[in-house]
Amino acid sequence: MALTTEIGEGAVEVETEGTKVIIRLREQGSFARGSAYVEDDYIRCWQKSEMF
């Protein structure tokens, strides 16, 4: 699975609900404190999740 590392680190949660797959990306770590810019690591995680 493309997000195995991120799931293991707790940055991503994946669950199923009936026939739906729900992917949650944790916001912790997505922004530096006081910043409006998304962190590079978070962007890479988001890009991986787009495969679904």
C-alpha atoms as a PDB file:
ATOM      1  CA  MET A   1       0.000   0.000   0.000  1.00  0.00           C
ATOM      2  CA  ALA A   2       1.336   3.432  -0.924  1.00  0.00           C
ATOM      3  CA  LEU A   3       0.626   4.972   2.492  1.00  0.00           C
ATOM      4  CA  THR A   4       1.969   2.168   4.714  1.00  0.00           C
ATOM      5  CA  THR A   5       4.664   4.330   6.318  1.00  0.00           C
ATOM      6  CA  GLU A   6       2.293   7.232   6.933  1.00  0.00           C
ATOM      7  CA  ILE A   7      -0.323   4.924   8.450  1.00  0.00           C
ATOM      8  CA  GLY A   8       2.319   3.428  10.747  1.00  0.00           C
ATOM      9  CA  GLU A   9       3.406   6.904  11.846  1.00  0.00           C
ATOM     10  CA  GLY A  10      -0.191   7.894  12.601  1.00  0.00           C
ATOM     11  CA  ALA A  11      -0.212  10.622   9.946  1.00  0.00           C
ATOM     12  CA  VAL A  12      -2.921   8.847   7.944  1.00  0.00           C
ATOM     13  CA  GLU A  13      -5.952   6.799   8.950  1.00  0.00           C
ATOM     14  CA  VAL A  14      -7.782   4.502   6.546  1.00  0.00           C
ATOM     15  CA  GLU A  15     -11.138   2.915   7.303  1.00  0.00           C
ATOM     16  CA  THR A  16     -14.046   1.424   5.450  1.00  0.00           C
ATOM     17  CA  GLU A  17     -17.690   2.242   5.871  1.00  0.00           C
ATOM     18  CA  GLY A  18     -19.862  -0.073   3.835  1.00  0.00           C
ATOM     19  CA  THR A  19     -18.561   0.283   0.282  1.00  0.00           C
ATOM     20  CA  LYS A  20     -16.696   3.540   1.017  1.00  0.00           C
ATOM     21  CA  VAL A  21     -13.004   3.890   1.824  1.00  0.00           C
ATOM     22  CA  ILE A  22     -12.267   6.870   4.061  1.00  0.00           C
ATOM     23  CA  ILE A  23      -8.740   8.302   4.169  1.00  0.00           C
ATOM     24  CA  ARG A  24      -8.008  10.872   6.865  1.00  0.00           C
ATOM     25  CA  LEU A  25      -4.833  12.931   6.733  1.00  0.00           C
ATOM     26  CA  ARG A  26      -3.938  14.267  10.162  1.00  0.00           C
ATOM     27  CA  GLU A  27      -3.528  17.999  10.224  1.00  0.00           C
ATOM     28  CA  GLN A  28      -0.782  17.826  12.845  1.00  0.00           C
ATOM     29  CA  GLY A  29       2.426  18.576  10.993  1.00  0.00           C
ATOM     30  CA  SER A  30       0.680  19.950   7.940  1.00  0.00           C
ATOM     31  CA  PHE A  31       1.563  23.557   8.807  1.00  0.00           C
ATOM     32  CA  ALA A  32       4.453  25.057  10.723  1.00  0.00           C
ATOM     33  CA  ARG A  33       3.286  27.008  13.760  1.00  0.00           C
ATOM     34  CA  GLY A  34       1.913  30.366  12.610  1.00  0.00           C
ATOM     35  CA  SER A  35       2.406  29.559   8.915  1.00  0.00           C
ATOM     36  CA  ALA A  36      -0.140  29.521   6.108  1.00  0.00           C
ATOM     37  CA  TYR A  37       2.062  27.293   3.939  1.00  0.00           C
ATOM     38  CA  VAL A  38       1.686  23.523   3.851  1.00  0.00           C
ATOM     39  CA  GLU A  39       4.815  21.596   4.834  1.00  0.00           C
ATOM     40  CA  ASP A  40       6.602  19.670   2.054  1.00  0.00           C
ATOM     41  CA  ASP A  41       6.256  16.294   3.835  1.00  0.00           C
ATOM     42  CA  TYR A  42       2.507  16.792   4.111  1.00  0.00           C
ATOM     43  CA  ILE A  43       2.243  17.645   0.399  1.00  0.00           C
ATOM     44  CA  ARG A  44       4.035  14.376  -0.476  1.00  0.00           C
ATOM     45  CA  CYS A  45       1.620  12.467   1.764  1.00  0.00           C
ATOM     46  CA  TRP A  46      -1.351  14.134   0.065  1.00  0.00           C
ATOM     47  CA  GLN A  47       0.057  13.349  -3.375  1.00  0.00           C
ATOM     48  CA  LYS A  48       0.386   9.665  -2.460  1.00  0.00           C
ATOM     49  CA  SER A  49      -3.242   9.565  -1.330  1.00  0.00           C
ATOM     50  CA  GLU A  50      -4.431  10.938  -4.689  1.00  0.00           C
ATOM     51  CA  MET A  51      -3.829   7.507  -6.205  1.00  0.00           C
ATOM     52  CA  PHE A  52      -7.060   6.369  -4.604  1.00  0.00           C
END
